N, C-alpha and C. Protein backbone atom coordinates (compact mmCIF):
# COMPACT_ATOMS: atom_id res chain seq x y z
N MET A 1 -3.87 31.05 13.52
CA MET A 1 -2.97 29.87 14.21
C MET A 1 -2.55 28.84 13.38
N PRO A 2 -1.32 28.43 13.36
CA PRO A 2 -1.00 27.41 12.23
C PRO A 2 -1.59 26.15 13.17
N THR A 3 -1.50 25.20 12.11
CA THR A 3 -2.38 23.79 12.06
C THR A 3 -1.26 22.84 12.52
N ILE A 4 -1.50 22.10 13.74
CA ILE A 4 -0.30 21.29 13.69
C ILE A 4 -0.84 19.66 13.34
N HIS A 5 0.07 18.95 12.69
CA HIS A 5 -0.13 17.93 12.53
C HIS A 5 0.66 16.95 13.03
N VAL A 6 -0.13 15.95 13.43
CA VAL A 6 0.31 14.54 14.52
C VAL A 6 0.31 13.56 13.60
N VAL A 7 1.79 12.73 13.56
CA VAL A 7 1.58 11.68 12.96
C VAL A 7 2.18 10.65 13.74
N LEU A 8 0.99 9.81 13.93
CA LEU A 8 1.32 8.30 14.70
C LEU A 8 1.66 7.15 13.74
N THR A 9 2.69 6.58 13.87
CA THR A 9 3.19 5.25 13.34
C THR A 9 2.47 4.41 14.00
N ILE A 10 1.76 3.33 13.53
CA ILE A 10 0.79 2.41 14.07
C ILE A 10 1.61 1.06 13.42
N ALA A 11 2.27 0.48 14.34
CA ALA A 11 2.44 -1.05 13.67
C ALA A 11 1.96 -2.23 14.79
N CYS A 12 0.67 -2.60 13.95
CA CYS A 12 -0.09 -3.79 14.82
C CYS A 12 -0.38 -4.55 13.83
N VAL A 13 -0.06 -6.12 14.08
CA VAL A 13 -0.62 -7.04 13.11
C VAL A 13 -0.36 -8.16 13.94
N ALA A 14 -1.67 -8.87 13.97
CA ALA A 14 -1.66 -10.04 14.42
C ALA A 14 -1.64 -11.26 13.60
N MET A 15 -0.58 -12.07 13.39
CA MET A 15 -0.09 -13.19 12.44
C MET A 15 -0.73 -14.42 13.44
N ALA A 16 -1.87 -14.41 13.72
CA ALA A 16 -2.53 -15.52 14.49
C ALA A 16 -2.59 -16.92 13.52
N HIS A 17 -2.80 -16.69 11.99
CA HIS A 17 -2.94 -18.03 11.71
C HIS A 17 -2.09 -17.94 10.09
N VAL A 18 -1.10 -18.94 10.38
CA VAL A 18 -0.51 -19.18 8.87
C VAL A 18 -0.93 -20.29 8.55
N ALA A 19 -1.19 -20.55 7.39
CA ALA A 19 -1.69 -21.81 6.82
C ALA A 19 -0.69 -22.18 5.43
N ALA A 20 -0.41 -23.50 5.33
CA ALA A 20 0.07 -24.29 4.10
C ALA A 20 1.47 -23.50 4.13
N SER A 21 2.06 -22.96 4.73
CA SER A 21 3.67 -22.38 4.28
C SER A 21 3.75 -21.30 5.34
N THR A 22 5.28 -21.14 5.25
CA THR A 22 5.49 -19.87 6.15
C THR A 22 5.61 -18.80 5.34
N ILE A 23 5.64 -17.49 5.32
CA ILE A 23 5.75 -16.35 4.55
C ILE A 23 7.17 -16.35 4.43
N HIS A 24 7.58 -16.26 3.28
CA HIS A 24 9.21 -16.28 2.62
C HIS A 24 9.29 -14.92 2.42
N ALA A 25 10.47 -14.64 2.65
CA ALA A 25 11.05 -13.13 2.35
C ALA A 25 11.77 -13.14 1.65
N ASP A 26 11.60 -14.28 0.30
CA ASP A 26 12.48 -13.95 -1.06
C ASP A 26 11.39 -13.32 -2.29
N ASN A 27 10.73 -12.34 -1.99
CA ASN A 27 10.03 -11.25 -2.66
C ASN A 27 9.25 -12.55 -3.60
N THR A 28 8.50 -13.25 -3.26
CA THR A 28 7.83 -14.03 -4.24
C THR A 28 6.58 -14.55 -3.65
N ASN A 29 5.68 -13.37 -3.03
CA ASN A 29 4.17 -13.47 -2.80
C ASN A 29 3.62 -12.36 -3.17
N THR A 30 2.38 -12.93 -3.52
CA THR A 30 1.40 -11.95 -4.26
C THR A 30 0.21 -11.96 -3.29
N LEU A 31 -0.14 -10.62 -3.02
CA LEU A 31 -1.45 -10.35 -2.35
C LEU A 31 -2.63 -10.64 -3.24
N LEU A 32 -3.37 -11.56 -2.39
CA LEU A 32 -4.36 -11.96 -3.32
C LEU A 32 -5.83 -11.08 -3.34
N ALA A 33 -6.36 -11.04 -4.41
CA ALA A 33 -8.00 -10.29 -4.24
C ALA A 33 -8.76 -10.88 -3.17
N ALA A 34 -8.92 -12.35 -3.05
CA ALA A 34 -9.62 -12.64 -2.19
C ALA A 34 -9.27 -14.32 -1.61
N CYS A 35 -9.38 -14.59 -0.23
CA CYS A 35 -8.90 -15.90 0.00
C CYS A 35 -9.40 -16.77 -1.18
N PRO A 36 -8.59 -18.27 -1.15
CA PRO A 36 -9.39 -19.15 -1.71
C PRO A 36 -10.70 -19.91 -0.91
N HIS A 37 -11.65 -20.09 -1.08
CA HIS A 37 -12.86 -20.58 -0.48
C HIS A 37 -12.20 -21.66 0.68
N ALA A 38 -11.66 -22.58 0.10
CA ALA A 38 -10.68 -23.47 1.47
C ALA A 38 -10.09 -22.73 2.51
N TYR A 39 -10.05 -21.85 2.65
CA TYR A 39 -9.48 -20.58 3.70
C TYR A 39 -9.68 -19.79 4.06
N VAL A 40 -11.03 -19.80 3.86
CA VAL A 40 -11.66 -18.52 4.31
C VAL A 40 -12.78 -19.12 5.45
N SER A 41 -12.24 -18.40 6.82
CA SER A 41 -12.90 -18.65 7.96
C SER A 41 -14.21 -17.94 7.70
N SER A 42 -15.44 -18.33 8.21
CA SER A 42 -16.67 -17.70 8.48
C SER A 42 -16.43 -16.55 9.70
N ALA A 43 -15.75 -16.82 10.23
CA ALA A 43 -15.65 -15.97 11.48
C ALA A 43 -14.37 -14.73 11.09
N ALA A 44 -13.64 -15.21 10.40
CA ALA A 44 -12.89 -14.03 10.10
C ALA A 44 -12.96 -13.67 8.67
N VAL A 45 -13.99 -13.98 8.23
CA VAL A 45 -13.98 -13.18 6.88
C VAL A 45 -13.73 -12.15 6.19
N HIS A 46 -13.91 -10.90 7.11
CA HIS A 46 -13.52 -9.54 7.13
C HIS A 46 -12.38 -9.27 7.64
N SER A 47 -11.49 -10.28 8.43
CA SER A 47 -10.26 -9.97 9.12
C SER A 47 -9.14 -11.14 8.65
N GLN A 48 -9.13 -11.15 7.50
CA GLN A 48 -8.08 -12.11 7.05
C GLN A 48 -7.96 -11.71 5.53
N VAL A 49 -6.45 -11.70 4.94
CA VAL A 49 -6.38 -11.61 3.52
C VAL A 49 -5.28 -12.66 3.43
N CYS A 50 -5.04 -13.27 2.00
CA CYS A 50 -3.96 -14.13 2.06
C CYS A 50 -3.36 -13.80 0.80
N LEU A 51 -2.10 -14.42 0.81
CA LEU A 51 -1.11 -14.06 -0.01
C LEU A 51 -0.54 -15.80 -0.46
N ARG A 52 -0.58 -15.48 -1.97
CA ARG A 52 0.42 -16.71 -2.77
C ARG A 52 1.82 -16.87 -2.99
N ASN A 53 2.44 -17.65 -2.58
CA ASN A 53 3.72 -17.73 -2.68
C ASN A 53 3.95 -18.64 -4.34
N VAL A 54 4.52 -17.31 -5.35
CA VAL A 54 4.28 -17.81 -6.65
C VAL A 54 5.21 -19.08 -6.89
N ILE A 55 6.23 -19.65 -6.27
CA ILE A 55 6.81 -20.40 -6.44
C ILE A 55 6.74 -21.81 -6.24
N THR A 56 5.90 -21.60 -4.71
CA THR A 56 5.49 -23.15 -4.55
C THR A 56 4.19 -23.26 -4.42
N ASN A 57 3.31 -22.15 -4.81
CA ASN A 57 1.26 -21.70 -4.93
C ASN A 57 1.24 -22.31 -3.88
N ASN A 58 1.74 -22.09 -2.65
CA ASN A 58 1.13 -22.14 -1.25
C ASN A 58 0.34 -21.26 -1.11
N THR A 59 -0.63 -21.39 -0.20
CA THR A 59 -1.61 -19.83 0.02
C THR A 59 -0.72 -19.76 2.07
N ILE A 60 -1.03 -18.70 1.97
CA ILE A 60 -0.59 -17.94 3.19
C ILE A 60 -1.77 -17.23 4.08
N VAL A 61 -2.39 -17.56 4.85
CA VAL A 61 -3.53 -16.75 5.57
C VAL A 61 -2.70 -15.88 6.66
N VAL A 62 -3.40 -14.43 6.31
CA VAL A 62 -3.05 -13.51 7.41
C VAL A 62 -4.23 -13.41 7.93
N VAL A 63 -4.38 -13.60 9.65
CA VAL A 63 -5.49 -12.79 10.45
C VAL A 63 -5.09 -11.46 11.11
N GLN A 64 -5.87 -10.80 10.48
CA GLN A 64 -5.83 -9.30 11.22
C GLN A 64 -6.12 -9.00 12.80
N GLY A 65 -5.49 -8.58 13.67
CA GLY A 65 -5.71 -8.41 14.79
C GLY A 65 -6.72 -7.58 15.29
N GLU A 66 -6.19 -6.56 14.53
CA GLU A 66 -7.39 -5.05 14.55
C GLU A 66 -7.74 -4.92 13.26
N PRO A 67 -9.17 -5.06 12.74
CA PRO A 67 -9.63 -5.10 11.41
C PRO A 67 -9.22 -4.05 10.79
N LYS A 68 -9.20 -2.85 11.54
CA LYS A 68 -9.09 -1.24 10.64
C LYS A 68 -7.35 -1.32 10.42
N ILE A 69 -6.41 -2.02 10.84
CA ILE A 69 -4.81 -2.30 10.82
C ILE A 69 -4.36 -3.13 10.07
N LEU A 70 -3.66 -3.18 9.04
CA LEU A 70 -3.19 -4.29 8.71
C LEU A 70 -1.82 -4.11 8.08
N SER A 71 -0.85 -4.93 8.44
CA SER A 71 0.76 -4.21 8.08
C SER A 71 1.09 -5.85 7.54
N LEU A 72 1.81 -5.54 6.41
CA LEU A 72 2.00 -6.93 5.85
C LEU A 72 3.52 -6.62 5.18
N SER A 73 4.29 -5.51 6.21
CA SER A 73 5.61 -5.00 5.99
C SER A 73 6.15 -6.54 5.85
N ASP A 74 7.38 -6.12 5.19
CA ASP A 74 8.60 -7.25 4.91
C ASP A 74 7.94 -8.71 4.67
N GLN A 75 7.34 -9.12 3.79
CA GLN A 75 6.21 -9.97 3.53
C GLN A 75 6.75 -10.75 2.39
N GLY A 76 7.79 -10.12 1.20
CA GLY A 76 8.30 -10.38 0.31
C GLY A 76 6.97 -10.53 -0.92
N ILE A 77 6.44 -9.44 -0.76
CA ILE A 77 5.19 -9.24 -1.58
C ILE A 77 5.67 -8.60 -2.91
N GLN A 78 5.76 -9.35 -4.00
CA GLN A 78 6.25 -8.48 -5.29
C GLN A 78 5.05 -8.02 -6.23
N SER A 79 3.77 -8.37 -5.65
CA SER A 79 2.58 -7.58 -6.88
C SER A 79 1.30 -7.86 -5.57
N ILE A 80 0.25 -7.42 -6.47
CA ILE A 80 -0.97 -6.96 -5.38
C ILE A 80 -2.15 -7.30 -6.69
N GLU A 81 -3.01 -8.36 -6.00
CA GLU A 81 -4.03 -8.40 -7.53
C GLU A 81 -5.26 -7.30 -7.16
N ALA A 82 -5.44 -6.91 -5.56
CA ALA A 82 -6.60 -5.92 -5.18
C ALA A 82 -6.10 -5.54 -3.65
N PHE A 83 -6.85 -4.49 -3.45
CA PHE A 83 -6.26 -3.65 -2.09
C PHE A 83 -7.45 -4.29 -1.28
N PRO A 84 -6.91 -4.80 -0.12
CA PRO A 84 -7.86 -5.56 0.76
C PRO A 84 -9.21 -4.04 0.90
N THR A 85 -9.92 -4.70 1.32
CA THR A 85 -11.36 -3.64 1.48
C THR A 85 -11.61 -3.28 2.78
N GLN A 86 -11.21 -3.65 3.98
CA GLN A 86 -11.34 -3.74 4.87
C GLN A 86 -10.37 -2.37 5.81
N PRO A 87 -9.22 -2.82 5.74
CA PRO A 87 -8.06 -1.69 6.97
C PRO A 87 -8.27 -0.35 6.53
N HIS A 88 -8.31 0.73 7.37
CA HIS A 88 -8.15 1.88 7.01
C HIS A 88 -6.84 2.26 7.10
N ILE A 89 -5.57 1.81 7.53
CA ILE A 89 -4.36 1.74 7.86
C ILE A 89 -3.74 0.66 7.03
N LEU A 90 -2.96 0.62 6.01
CA LEU A 90 -2.22 -0.40 5.58
C LEU A 90 -0.73 -0.01 4.82
N ASP A 91 -0.04 -1.17 5.70
CA ASP A 91 1.56 -1.08 5.46
C ASP A 91 1.98 -2.18 4.66
N LEU A 92 2.32 -1.99 3.59
CA LEU A 92 3.10 -2.91 2.65
C LEU A 92 4.49 -2.25 2.29
N SER A 93 4.97 -1.90 3.33
CA SER A 93 6.60 -1.58 3.17
C SER A 93 7.48 -2.14 3.09
N SER A 94 8.62 -2.18 3.01
CA SER A 94 9.57 -2.76 2.87
C SER A 94 9.56 -4.33 2.05
N ASN A 95 9.01 -4.11 1.22
CA ASN A 95 8.31 -5.57 -0.03
C ASN A 95 9.11 -5.40 -1.15
N ALA A 96 8.49 -6.30 -2.41
CA ALA A 96 9.44 -6.07 -3.46
C ALA A 96 8.65 -5.36 -4.62
N LEU A 97 7.44 -4.79 -4.04
CA LEU A 97 6.78 -4.25 -5.25
C LEU A 97 7.47 -3.39 -6.36
N ARG A 98 7.14 -3.42 -7.58
CA ARG A 98 7.66 -2.63 -8.75
C ARG A 98 6.84 -1.70 -9.05
N SER A 99 5.53 -2.00 -9.11
CA SER A 99 4.13 -1.16 -9.55
C SER A 99 3.08 -1.84 -8.73
N ILE A 100 1.95 -0.76 -9.08
CA ILE A 100 0.76 -1.39 -8.40
C ILE A 100 -0.28 -1.01 -9.64
N ASN A 101 -0.79 -2.10 -9.93
CA ASN A 101 -1.84 -2.03 -11.03
C ASN A 101 -2.64 -3.11 -10.84
N VAL A 102 -3.81 -2.45 -9.99
CA VAL A 102 -5.18 -3.15 -9.78
C VAL A 102 -6.13 -2.82 -10.63
N SER A 103 -7.00 -3.68 -10.87
CA SER A 103 -8.25 -3.58 -12.21
C SER A 103 -9.04 -2.88 -11.42
N SER A 104 -9.50 -2.55 -10.04
CA SER A 104 -10.28 -1.92 -9.32
C SER A 104 -10.08 -1.39 -8.07
N THR A 105 -10.55 0.03 -7.75
CA THR A 105 -10.17 0.19 -6.19
C THR A 105 -11.63 0.25 -5.49
N THR A 106 -12.69 0.09 -6.12
CA THR A 106 -14.16 -0.06 -5.51
C THR A 106 -14.25 -0.40 -4.48
N GLY A 107 -15.06 0.30 -3.31
CA GLY A 107 -14.93 -0.29 -2.03
C GLY A 107 -13.88 -0.59 -0.90
N VAL A 108 -12.76 0.22 -1.59
CA VAL A 108 -11.16 0.01 -0.84
C VAL A 108 -11.57 1.08 0.02
N SER A 109 -10.93 0.84 1.47
CA SER A 109 -11.42 1.88 2.41
C SER A 109 -10.09 2.46 3.24
N VAL A 110 -8.76 2.00 2.16
CA VAL A 110 -7.49 2.46 2.80
C VAL A 110 -7.27 4.21 3.13
N MET A 111 -7.12 4.55 3.88
CA MET A 111 -7.00 5.84 4.37
C MET A 111 -5.80 6.37 4.30
N SER A 112 -4.71 5.31 4.83
CA SER A 112 -3.58 5.50 5.18
C SER A 112 -2.63 4.31 4.40
N LEU A 113 -1.66 4.78 3.36
CA LEU A 113 -1.19 3.75 2.75
C LEU A 113 0.73 4.04 3.22
N ASN A 114 0.91 3.12 3.15
CA ASN A 114 2.56 3.07 3.71
C ASN A 114 3.32 1.73 2.51
N LEU A 115 4.10 2.70 1.50
CA LEU A 115 4.68 1.92 0.40
C LEU A 115 6.15 2.29 0.55
N ARG A 116 6.32 2.47 1.56
CA ARG A 116 7.97 2.73 1.94
C ARG A 116 8.56 1.63 1.53
N ASN A 117 10.30 1.84 0.81
CA ASN A 117 11.19 0.64 0.80
C ASN A 117 10.71 -0.12 0.37
N ASN A 118 9.97 -0.09 -0.92
CA ASN A 118 9.77 -1.56 -1.96
C ASN A 118 10.84 -0.83 -3.20
N SER A 119 10.33 -1.08 -4.27
CA SER A 119 11.03 -0.88 -5.93
C SER A 119 10.27 -0.46 -6.69
N ILE A 120 9.19 0.15 -6.36
CA ILE A 120 8.01 1.16 -7.39
C ILE A 120 9.02 2.50 -8.14
N THR A 121 8.77 1.99 -9.58
CA THR A 121 9.77 2.97 -10.31
C THR A 121 8.95 3.92 -10.91
N THR A 122 9.26 4.92 -11.48
CA THR A 122 8.58 6.06 -12.40
C THR A 122 7.67 5.45 -13.37
N ALA A 123 8.12 4.28 -14.16
CA ALA A 123 7.39 3.75 -15.32
C ALA A 123 6.54 2.51 -14.63
N GLY A 124 6.19 2.63 -13.04
CA GLY A 124 5.46 1.48 -12.49
C GLY A 124 3.92 2.16 -12.64
N LEU A 125 2.75 1.47 -13.36
CA LEU A 125 1.63 1.86 -13.16
C LEU A 125 1.02 1.97 -12.12
N VAL A 126 0.80 3.10 -10.88
CA VAL A 126 0.33 2.97 -9.67
C VAL A 126 -0.94 3.39 -9.81
N THR A 127 -1.90 2.51 -9.29
CA THR A 127 -3.79 2.91 -9.31
C THR A 127 -3.62 2.62 -7.94
N LEU A 128 -3.98 3.93 -7.17
CA LEU A 128 -4.14 4.00 -5.79
C LEU A 128 -5.35 4.39 -5.48
N PRO A 129 -5.94 3.71 -4.38
CA PRO A 129 -7.59 4.09 -4.05
C PRO A 129 -7.75 5.63 -3.88
N PRO A 130 -8.93 5.88 -4.23
CA PRO A 130 -9.54 7.35 -4.01
C PRO A 130 -9.56 7.92 -2.49
N SER A 131 -9.76 6.68 -1.72
CA SER A 131 -9.95 6.75 -0.20
C SER A 131 -8.99 7.46 0.57
N ILE A 132 -7.45 7.47 -0.26
CA ILE A 132 -6.10 7.76 0.58
C ILE A 132 -6.11 9.10 0.75
N ILE A 133 -6.01 9.36 2.33
CA ILE A 133 -5.72 10.68 2.83
C ILE A 133 -4.19 11.03 3.11
N SER A 134 -3.49 9.67 3.39
CA SER A 134 -1.89 9.84 3.62
C SER A 134 -1.10 9.09 2.66
N LEU A 135 0.10 9.08 2.06
CA LEU A 135 0.73 8.37 1.10
C LEU A 135 2.34 8.69 1.51
N ASP A 136 2.88 7.41 1.73
CA ASP A 136 4.39 7.47 1.83
C ASP A 136 5.11 6.57 0.87
N LEU A 137 5.71 7.31 0.11
CA LEU A 137 6.63 6.68 -1.61
C LEU A 137 8.00 6.51 -1.03
N SER A 138 8.29 6.65 0.04
CA SER A 138 9.74 7.05 0.22
C SER A 138 10.35 5.59 0.02
N ASP A 139 11.67 6.02 -0.48
CA ASP A 139 13.05 4.97 -0.46
C ASP A 139 12.64 3.58 -1.42
N ASN A 140 12.18 4.54 -2.62
CA ASN A 140 11.48 3.81 -3.61
C ASN A 140 12.30 4.08 -4.78
N ASP A 141 12.20 3.80 -6.47
CA ASP A 141 13.15 3.70 -7.39
C ASP A 141 12.27 4.95 -8.01
N ILE A 142 11.82 6.06 -7.69
CA ILE A 142 10.82 7.09 -8.31
C ILE A 142 11.92 7.74 -8.62
N ASP A 143 11.99 8.38 -9.79
CA ASP A 143 12.93 9.76 -9.90
C ASP A 143 11.95 10.80 -10.70
N SER A 144 10.83 10.60 -11.12
CA SER A 144 10.08 11.76 -11.62
C SER A 144 8.63 11.20 -11.34
N MET A 145 7.73 12.10 -11.34
CA MET A 145 6.41 11.37 -11.38
C MET A 145 5.23 12.48 -12.38
N GLY A 146 4.47 11.97 -12.69
CA GLY A 146 3.49 12.60 -13.69
C GLY A 146 2.04 11.66 -13.66
N THR A 147 1.27 12.71 -14.51
CA THR A 147 -0.05 11.96 -14.45
C THR A 147 -0.19 10.45 -15.40
N THR A 148 0.77 10.13 -15.92
CA THR A 148 0.89 8.70 -16.11
C THR A 148 1.26 7.69 -15.54
N SER A 149 1.99 8.21 -14.31
CA SER A 149 2.65 6.97 -13.61
C SER A 149 2.02 7.14 -12.21
N PHE A 150 1.11 8.02 -11.92
CA PHE A 150 0.37 7.84 -10.75
C PHE A 150 -1.30 8.56 -11.18
N ASN A 151 -2.26 7.98 -10.52
CA ASN A 151 -3.47 8.69 -11.16
C ASN A 151 -3.87 9.80 -9.76
N TRP A 152 -3.05 10.50 -10.06
CA TRP A 152 -3.40 11.73 -8.82
C TRP A 152 -4.73 12.68 -8.78
N ALA A 153 -5.32 12.53 -9.92
CA ALA A 153 -6.50 12.91 -10.62
C ALA A 153 -7.88 12.49 -9.43
N SER A 154 -7.63 11.20 -9.28
CA SER A 154 -8.32 10.13 -8.72
C SER A 154 -8.50 10.38 -6.90
N LEU A 155 -7.21 10.94 -6.48
CA LEU A 155 -7.10 11.33 -5.31
C LEU A 155 -7.49 12.51 -4.62
N THR A 156 -9.01 12.49 -4.58
CA THR A 156 -9.68 13.75 -4.34
C THR A 156 -9.21 14.01 -2.78
N LYS A 157 -9.28 13.05 -1.69
CA LYS A 157 -9.25 13.04 -0.23
C LYS A 157 -7.80 13.09 0.18
N LEU A 158 -6.60 13.20 -0.41
CA LEU A 158 -5.41 13.28 -0.19
C LEU A 158 -5.01 14.78 0.38
N THR A 159 -4.36 14.55 1.58
CA THR A 159 -4.62 15.64 2.26
C THR A 159 -2.88 16.01 2.69
N THR A 160 -2.48 14.69 2.92
CA THR A 160 -0.79 14.83 3.49
C THR A 160 0.42 13.94 2.51
N LEU A 161 1.09 14.53 1.94
CA LEU A 161 2.15 14.02 1.48
C LEU A 161 3.17 14.39 2.08
N TYR A 162 4.50 13.09 2.55
CA TYR A 162 5.44 13.25 3.05
C TYR A 162 6.82 13.75 2.30
N GLY A 163 7.98 14.06 2.75
CA GLY A 163 9.26 14.23 2.10
C GLY A 163 9.42 15.02 1.30
N LYS A 164 10.53 14.98 0.43
CA LYS A 164 10.90 15.85 -0.52
C LYS A 164 9.87 15.77 -1.87
N MET A 165 9.45 16.80 -2.30
CA MET A 165 8.61 17.38 -3.51
C MET A 165 7.18 16.74 -3.45
N ALA A 166 7.26 15.50 -3.41
CA ALA A 166 5.49 15.11 -3.06
C ALA A 166 5.69 13.78 -2.42
N SER A 167 4.37 13.53 -2.10
CA SER A 167 4.29 12.53 -1.02
C SER A 167 5.67 12.00 -0.37
N ASN A 168 5.36 10.91 0.41
CA ASN A 168 7.05 10.55 0.97
C ASN A 168 7.76 9.90 -0.04
N VAL A 169 8.41 10.65 -0.80
CA VAL A 169 9.33 10.30 -2.05
C VAL A 169 10.52 10.56 -1.44
N SER A 170 11.06 10.88 -0.38
CA SER A 170 12.82 11.15 0.03
C SER A 170 13.19 9.51 -0.13
N GLY A 171 14.39 9.65 -0.22
CA GLY A 171 15.33 8.53 -0.93
C GLY A 171 15.18 7.82 -2.70
N ASN A 172 14.40 8.85 -3.27
CA ASN A 172 14.12 8.30 -4.30
C ASN A 172 14.82 9.22 -5.63
N GLY A 173 15.77 10.12 -5.46
CA GLY A 173 16.49 10.70 -6.62
C GLY A 173 15.57 11.21 -7.26
N MET A 174 14.40 11.91 -6.61
CA MET A 174 13.23 12.56 -7.66
C MET A 174 14.01 13.90 -7.95
N HIS A 175 14.19 14.15 -9.36
CA HIS A 175 13.98 15.21 -10.19
C HIS A 175 13.18 16.21 -10.63
N SER A 176 11.96 15.31 -10.87
CA SER A 176 10.94 16.36 -11.29
C SER A 176 9.76 15.94 -11.27
N ILE A 177 8.71 16.83 -11.14
CA ILE A 177 7.10 16.48 -10.75
C ILE A 177 6.30 17.18 -11.95
N HIS A 178 5.78 15.93 -12.85
CA HIS A 178 4.93 16.84 -14.06
C HIS A 178 3.53 16.71 -13.80
N LEU A 179 3.20 17.47 -13.46
CA LEU A 179 1.66 17.52 -12.68
C LEU A 179 1.12 18.51 -13.16
N PRO A 180 -0.37 18.27 -13.72
CA PRO A 180 -1.02 19.76 -14.40
C PRO A 180 -1.23 20.54 -12.76
N SER A 181 -1.76 19.97 -11.53
CA SER A 181 -1.99 20.25 -10.26
C SER A 181 -1.83 19.11 -9.27
N LEU A 182 -1.25 19.25 -8.31
CA LEU A 182 -1.76 18.43 -6.93
C LEU A 182 -2.86 18.51 -6.78
N PRO A 183 -3.54 17.30 -6.24
CA PRO A 183 -4.99 17.27 -5.53
C PRO A 183 -5.48 18.79 -4.71
N PRO A 184 -6.56 19.61 -4.79
CA PRO A 184 -6.97 20.25 -4.23
C PRO A 184 -7.19 20.02 -2.95
N SER A 185 -7.37 18.98 -2.28
CA SER A 185 -7.44 18.27 -1.14
C SER A 185 -6.15 18.31 -0.43
N LEU A 186 -5.23 18.30 -1.05
CA LEU A 186 -3.87 18.51 -0.33
C LEU A 186 -3.63 19.59 0.69
N THR A 187 -3.52 19.46 1.96
CA THR A 187 -3.36 20.87 3.05
C THR A 187 -1.69 20.77 3.37
N THR A 188 -1.17 19.56 3.68
CA THR A 188 0.25 19.49 3.75
C THR A 188 1.14 18.79 3.20
N LEU A 189 2.63 19.46 2.74
CA LEU A 189 3.27 19.00 2.06
C LEU A 189 4.83 18.92 2.57
N TYR A 190 5.38 17.88 3.23
CA TYR A 190 6.45 17.99 3.87
C TYR A 190 7.76 17.79 2.71
N THR A 191 8.67 18.92 2.49
CA THR A 191 9.62 18.91 1.89
C THR A 191 11.14 18.94 2.40
């Protein structure tokens, strides 16, 4: 009997508190590794993330309505210092990310990562959390994938890749994948 995979798209975020600035959609925000001490609410320490506008240096506090889901879609994010540790579903679609190069993914519990519609390139060093089960890289500037541009060996839990060739990389002009092997955990590849 064939396995049926059901994919639910959940768009849920509560922008309950924005401090010191409004979020600029001018591709100038950085997702911070931690909120500055002055912006940390003791009640929301595990359900908030902070962005810093690189032009104004203002801090933007985003309070999650649901601690396991974080949507930062279309927030002008151009870089990431670290992945948030709490959410299981992280939506960073429609930003200006060219690469993801974080120093550590220790303690990150992201299982579904949406990087659709950014500017990630083949040359962009992408460091992804090993907890990822589902990945969407569609509509980026990726034309090939290899072991030097993605840390495939560490994605031992990755089970679903959407789109053309690998991951959800449709709309990328992908012409080759240079991998010794895809993760053995991979069970579904949409082409």
